[in-house]
Amino acid sequence: MMTIANARKLISIFLLLCGMSAIFIFSTMDGESSTNTSKSIIEISPSDLNQEAYNEQKLNQKMDEENVLTARMNKRIRKIAHFIEFCILSIILLFTMNSFDLKGVKSYIIAIVIVFLYACTDELHQFFISGRDARFLDVIIDSIGGVFGLVIYAAISELCIELKEKVFQK
């Protein structure tokens, strides 16, 4: 018979595999596809320009400035995405370890080591994808995202403990 504890273990493993698979799938996108995905978030449409107010030269200059802005924003969006992916991964890792009764400082250390190693393998994987490259800066961003996830998990865990204590004191 399936117990609640066993169901929690299965669900946490499933979520962990989904999270790791999502990161892998995003890393499998070639450079152009990845860029287009990021750009779709921040695309600036030239149709917003009042073409009658600008002569051809000023219009082209304005569009070039927007392209530069779009490229800069695209890079930031991608770095933020790296951060968020690994933040979520570390939270899922801690949830999974907790379901197997691995708690405390040891679980946090294991989680950040796994996040760091997965970030390294993610960058290595990207090295072999057309239009992508491996950057140690991305490993650092991923790892910082993982640490942020640990902080979020710890804060939420502490809140839950405090709420349980208040409920059972009444």
C-alpha atoms as a PDB file:
ATOM      1  CA  MET A   1       0.000   0.000   0.000  1.00  0.00           C
ATOM      2  CA  MET A   2       1.229   3.476  -0.877  1.00  0.00           C
ATOM      3  CA  THR A   3       1.884   5.578   2.193  1.00  0.00           C
ATOM      4  CA  ILE A   4       1.902   9.376   2.232  1.00  0.00           C
ATOM      5  CA  ALA A   5       5.658   9.314   2.831  1.00  0.00           C
ATOM      6  CA  ASN A   6       6.237   7.074  -0.202  1.00  0.00           C
ATOM      7  CA  ALA A   7       3.943   9.205  -2.368  1.00  0.00           C
ATOM      8  CA  ARG A   8       5.885  12.303  -1.293  1.00  0.00           C
ATOM      9  CA  LYS A   9       9.159  10.580  -2.241  1.00  0.00           C
ATOM     10  CA  LEU A  10       7.832   9.633  -5.683  1.00  0.00           C
ATOM     11  CA  ILE A  11       6.440  13.108  -6.325  1.00  0.00           C
ATOM     12  CA  SER A  12       9.675  14.789  -5.241  1.00  0.00           C
ATOM     13  CA  ILE A  13      11.777  12.517  -7.478  1.00  0.00           C
ATOM     14  CA  PHE A  14       9.399  13.188 -10.379  1.00  0.00           C
ATOM     15  CA  LEU A  15       9.663  16.976  -9.815  1.00  0.00           C
ATOM     16  CA  LEU A  16      13.454  16.736  -9.587  1.00  0.00           C
ATOM     17  CA  LEU A  17      13.665  14.808 -12.859  1.00  0.00           C
ATOM     18  CA  CYS A  18      11.302  17.322 -14.519  1.00  0.00           C
ATOM     19  CA  GLY A  19      13.424  20.245 -13.326  1.00  0.00           C
ATOM     20  CA  MET A  20      16.674  18.682 -14.482  1.00  0.00           C
ATOM     21  CA  SER A  21      15.087  17.684 -17.801  1.00  0.00           C
ATOM     22  CA  ALA A  22      13.819  21.234 -18.384  1.00  0.00           C
ATOM     23  CA  ILE A  23      17.322  22.639 -17.869  1.00  0.00           C
ATOM     24  CA  PHE A  24      18.721  19.989 -20.228  1.00  0.00           C
ATOM     25  CA  ILE A  25      16.097  20.761 -22.891  1.00  0.00           C
ATOM     26  CA  PHE A  26      16.772  24.516 -22.700  1.00  0.00           C
ATOM     27  CA  SER A  27      20.485  23.781 -23.061  1.00  0.00           C
ATOM     28  CA  THR A  28      19.803  21.644 -26.130  1.00  0.00           C
ATOM     29  CA  MET A  29      18.398  24.635 -28.023  1.00  0.00           C
ATOM     30  CA  ASP A  30      20.857  25.955 -30.588  1.00  0.00           C
ATOM     31  CA  GLY A  31      22.102  29.522 -30.233  1.00  0.00           C
ATOM     32  CA  GLU A  32      19.545  31.034 -32.596  1.00  0.00           C
ATOM     33  CA  SER A  33      16.555  29.279 -31.016  1.00  0.00           C
ATOM     34  CA  SER A  34      17.719  30.223 -27.539  1.00  0.00           C
ATOM     35  CA  THR A  35      18.200  33.845 -28.567  1.00  0.00           C
ATOM     36  CA  ASN A  36      14.774  33.979 -30.223  1.00  0.00           C
ATOM     37  CA  THR A  37      13.140  32.566 -27.101  1.00  0.00           C
ATOM     38  CA  SER A  38      14.786  35.254 -24.968  1.00  0.00           C
ATOM     39  CA  LYS A  39      14.061  38.005 -27.475  1.00  0.00           C
ATOM     40  CA  SER A  40      10.374  37.115 -27.605  1.00  0.00           C
ATOM     41  CA  ILE A  41      10.123  38.403 -24.051  1.00  0.00           C
ATOM     42  CA  ILE A  42      11.550  41.847 -24.797  1.00  0.00           C
ATOM     43  CA  GLU A  43      11.067  42.436 -28.517  1.00  0.00           C
ATOM     44  CA  ILE A  44      10.693  46.111 -29.384  1.00  0.00           C
ATOM     45  CA  SER A  45       8.524  46.625 -32.427  1.00  0.00           C
ATOM     46  CA  PRO A  46       9.648  49.209 -35.011  1.00  0.00           C
ATOM     47  CA  SER A  47       5.967  49.758 -35.843  1.00  0.00           C
ATOM     48  CA  ASP A  48       5.741  51.726 -32.595  1.00  0.00           C
ATOM     49  CA  LEU A  49       7.827  54.432 -34.228  1.00  0.00           C
ATOM     50  CA  ASN A  50       6.089  57.351 -35.863  1.00  0.00           C
ATOM     51  CA  GLN A  51       7.737  56.926 -39.262  1.00  0.00           C
ATOM     52  CA  GLU A  52       6.450  60.245 -40.560  1.00  0.00           C
ATOM     53  CA  ALA A  53       8.221  62.142 -37.760  1.00  0.00           C
ATOM     54  CA  TYR A  54      11.633  60.780 -38.705  1.00  0.00           C
ATOM     55  CA  ASN A  55      13.492  60.932 -41.949  1.00  0.00           C
ATOM     56  CA  GLU A  56      15.024  57.689 -43.213  1.00  0.00           C
ATOM     57  CA  GLN A  57      18.386  58.262 -41.494  1.00  0.00           C
ATOM     58  CA  LYS A  58      16.895  58.994 -38.058  1.00  0.00           C
ATOM     59  CA  LEU A  59      14.541  56.042 -38.348  1.00  0.00           C
ATOM     60  CA  ASN A  60      17.452  53.692 -39.107  1.00  0.00           C
ATOM     61  CA  GLN A  61      19.444  55.163 -36.221  1.00  0.00           C
ATOM     62  CA  LYS A  62      16.516  54.647 -33.841  1.00  0.00           C
ATOM     63  CA  MET A  63      16.076  51.051 -35.023  1.00  0.00           C
ATOM     64  CA  ASP A  64      19.814  50.380 -34.539  1.00  0.00           C
ATOM     65  CA  GLU A  65      19.572  51.729 -30.972  1.00  0.00           C
ATOM     66  CA  GLU A  66      16.610  49.460 -30.326  1.00  0.00           C
ATOM     67  CA  ASN A  67      18.542  46.466 -31.691  1.00  0.00           C
ATOM     68  CA  VAL A  68      21.403  47.228 -29.295  1.00  0.00           C
ATOM     69  CA  LEU A  69      18.921  47.564 -26.427  1.00  0.00           C
ATOM     70  CA  THR A  70      17.248  44.295 -27.425  1.00  0.00           C
ATOM     71  CA  ALA A  71      20.636  42.507 -27.518  1.00  0.00           C
ATOM     72  CA  ARG A  72      21.554  43.829 -24.071  1.00  0.00           C
ATOM     73  CA  MET A  73      18.186  42.894 -22.614  1.00  0.00           C
ATOM     74  CA  ASN A  74      18.397  39.458 -24.263  1.00  0.00           C
ATOM     75  CA  LYS A  75      21.673  38.761 -22.475  1.00  0.00           C
ATOM     76  CA  ARG A  76      20.195  39.852 -19.132  1.00  0.00           C
ATOM     77  CA  ILE A  77      17.059  37.765 -19.666  1.00  0.00           C
ATOM     78  CA  ARG A  78      19.214  34.706 -20.324  1.00  0.00           C
ATOM     79  CA  LYS A  79      21.303  35.248 -17.181  1.00  0.00           C
ATOM     80  CA  ILE A  80      18.142  35.752 -15.095  1.00  0.00           C
ATOM     81  CA  ALA A  81      16.715  32.548 -16.594  1.00  0.00           C
ATOM     82  CA  HIS A  82      19.884  30.656 -15.575  1.00  0.00           C
ATOM     83  CA  PHE A  83      19.558  32.043 -12.045  1.00  0.00           C
ATOM     84  CA  ILE A  84      15.869  31.117 -11.747  1.00  0.00           C
ATOM     85  CA  GLU A  85      16.295  27.608 -13.192  1.00  0.00           C
ATOM     86  CA  PHE A  86      18.929  26.682 -10.653  1.00  0.00           C
ATOM     87  CA  CYS A  87      17.119  28.447  -7.806  1.00  0.00           C
ATOM     88  CA  ILE A  88      14.126  26.200  -8.469  1.00  0.00           C
ATOM     89  CA  LEU A  89      16.378  23.158  -8.872  1.00  0.00           C
ATOM     90  CA  SER A  90      17.932  23.670  -5.431  1.00  0.00           C
ATOM     91  CA  ILE A  91      14.484  24.040  -3.825  1.00  0.00           C
ATOM     92  CA  ILE A  92      13.331  20.797  -5.462  1.00  0.00           C
ATOM     93  CA  LEU A  93      16.549  19.076  -4.387  1.00  0.00           C
ATOM     94  CA  LEU A  94      16.000  20.085  -0.765  1.00  0.00           C
ATOM     95  CA  PHE A  95      12.361  19.015  -0.934  1.00  0.00           C
ATOM     96  CA  THR A  96      13.484  15.635  -2.295  1.00  0.00           C
ATOM     97  CA  MET A  97      16.180  15.166   0.338  1.00  0.00           C
ATOM     98  CA  ASN A  98      13.724  16.172   3.044  1.00  0.00           C
ATOM     99  CA  SER A  99      11.281  13.510   1.843  1.00  0.00           C
ATOM    100  CA  PHE A 100      14.083  10.962   2.412  1.00  0.00           C
ATOM    101  CA  ASP A 101      14.705  12.417   5.911  1.00  0.00           C
ATOM    102  CA  LEU A 102      17.989  14.029   4.903  1.00  0.00           C
ATOM    103  CA  LYS A 103      17.761  17.394   6.638  1.00  0.00           C
ATOM    104  CA  GLY A 104      19.828  20.158   8.149  1.00  0.00           C
ATOM    105  CA  VAL A 105      23.170  21.600   7.111  1.00  0.00           C
ATOM    106  CA  LYS A 106      24.215  18.349   5.435  1.00  0.00           C
ATOM    107  CA  SER A 107      21.289  18.555   2.991  1.00  0.00           C
ATOM    108  CA  TYR A 108      22.155  22.159   2.136  1.00  0.00           C
ATOM    109  CA  ILE A 109      25.773  21.272   1.424  1.00  0.00           C
ATOM    110  CA  ILE A 110      24.765  18.295  -0.724  1.00  0.00           C
ATOM    111  CA  ALA A 111      22.220  20.430  -2.611  1.00  0.00           C
ATOM    112  CA  ILE A 112      24.695  23.197  -3.462  1.00  0.00           C
ATOM    113  CA  VAL A 113      27.321  20.637  -4.549  1.00  0.00           C
ATOM    114  CA  ILE A 114      24.762  18.952  -6.827  1.00  0.00           C
ATOM    115  CA  VAL A 115      23.627  22.333  -8.211  1.00  0.00           C
ATOM    116  CA  PHE A 116      27.242  23.332  -8.899  1.00  0.00           C
ATOM    117  CA  LEU A 117      28.051  20.009 -10.591  1.00  0.00           C
ATOM    118  CA  TYR A 118      24.851  20.124 -12.656  1.00  0.00           C
ATOM    119  CA  ALA A 119      25.690  23.700 -13.688  1.00  0.00           C
ATOM    120  CA  CYS A 120      29.136  22.505 -14.802  1.00  0.00           C
ATOM    121  CA  THR A 121      27.665  19.646 -16.843  1.00  0.00           C
ATOM    122  CA  ASP A 122      25.055  22.040 -18.285  1.00  0.00           C
ATOM    123  CA  GLU A 123      27.787  24.365 -19.537  1.00  0.00           C
ATOM    124  CA  LEU A 124      29.804  21.429 -20.864  1.00  0.00           C
ATOM    125  CA  HIS A 125      26.689  20.264 -22.717  1.00  0.00           C
ATOM    126  CA  GLN A 126      26.189  23.749 -24.208  1.00  0.00           C
ATOM    127  CA  PHE A 127      29.785  23.704 -25.483  1.00  0.00           C
ATOM    128  CA  PHE A 128      28.734  21.027 -27.985  1.00  0.00           C
ATOM    129  CA  ILE A 129      25.575  22.833 -29.159  1.00  0.00           C
ATOM    130  CA  SER A 130      25.727  24.942 -32.317  1.00  0.00           C
ATOM    131  CA  GLY A 131      25.780  28.667 -31.560  1.00  0.00           C
ATOM    132  CA  ARG A 132      26.253  28.095 -27.814  1.00  0.00           C
ATOM    133  CA  ASP A 133      29.322  28.138 -25.641  1.00  0.00           C
ATOM    134  CA  ALA A 134      30.417  27.177 -22.161  1.00  0.00           C
ATOM    135  CA  ARG A 135      31.011  30.026 -19.719  1.00  0.00           C
ATOM    136  CA  PHE A 136      32.228  29.715 -16.167  1.00  0.00           C
ATOM    137  CA  LEU A 137      30.310  32.918 -15.409  1.00  0.00           C
ATOM    138  CA  ASP A 138      27.111  30.987 -16.106  1.00  0.00           C
ATOM    139  CA  VAL A 139      28.208  28.283 -13.649  1.00  0.00           C
ATOM    140  CA  ILE A 140      28.664  31.017 -11.043  1.00  0.00           C
ATOM    141  CA  ILE A 141      25.261  32.560 -11.849  1.00  0.00           C
ATOM    142  CA  ASP A 142      23.646  29.107 -11.675  1.00  0.00           C
ATOM    143  CA  SER A 143      25.327  28.402  -8.342  1.00  0.00           C
ATOM    144  CA  ILE A 144      24.276  31.762  -6.898  1.00  0.00           C
ATOM    145  CA  GLY A 145      20.729  30.960  -8.034  1.00  0.00           C
ATOM    146  CA  GLY A 146      21.060  27.638  -6.223  1.00  0.00           C
ATOM    147  CA  VAL A 147      22.210  29.362  -3.029  1.00  0.00           C
ATOM    148  CA  PHE A 148      19.284  31.778  -3.313  1.00  0.00           C
ATOM    149  CA  GLY A 149      16.975  28.769  -3.583  1.00  0.00           C
ATOM    150  CA  LEU A 150      18.510  27.363  -0.401  1.00  0.00           C
ATOM    151  CA  VAL A 151      17.802  30.643   1.390  1.00  0.00           C
ATOM    152  CA  ILE A 152      14.195  30.643   0.154  1.00  0.00           C
ATOM    153  CA  TYR A 153      13.747  27.020   1.235  1.00  0.00           C
ATOM    154  CA  ALA A 154      15.248  27.721   4.668  1.00  0.00           C
ATOM    155  CA  ALA A 155      13.033  30.786   5.164  1.00  0.00           C
ATOM    156  CA  ILE A 156       9.879  28.926   4.171  1.00  0.00           C
ATOM    157  CA  SER A 157      10.847  25.960   6.360  1.00  0.00           C
ATOM    158  CA  GLU A 158      11.390  28.277   9.325  1.00  0.00           C
ATOM    159  CA  LEU A 159       8.015  29.929   8.740  1.00  0.00           C
ATOM    160  CA  CYS A 160       6.307  26.540   8.607  1.00  0.00           C
ATOM    161  CA  ILE A 161       7.955  25.494  11.875  1.00  0.00           C
ATOM    162  CA  GLU A 162       6.840  28.732  13.557  1.00  0.00           C
ATOM    163  CA  LEU A 163       3.294  28.326  12.269  1.00  0.00           C
ATOM    164  CA  LYS A 164       3.113  24.726  13.504  1.00  0.00           C
ATOM    165  CA  GLU A 165       4.340  25.804  16.930  1.00  0.00           C
ATOM    166  CA  LYS A 166       1.731  28.566  17.131  1.00  0.00           C
ATOM    167  CA  VAL A 167      -1.074  26.261  16.013  1.00  0.00           C
ATOM    168  CA  PHE A 168      -0.167  23.503  18.482  1.00  0.00           C
ATOM    169  CA  GLN A 169       0.315  25.954  21.380  1.00  0.00           C
ATOM    170  CA  LYS A 170      -3.327  27.038  21.209  1.00  0.00           C
END
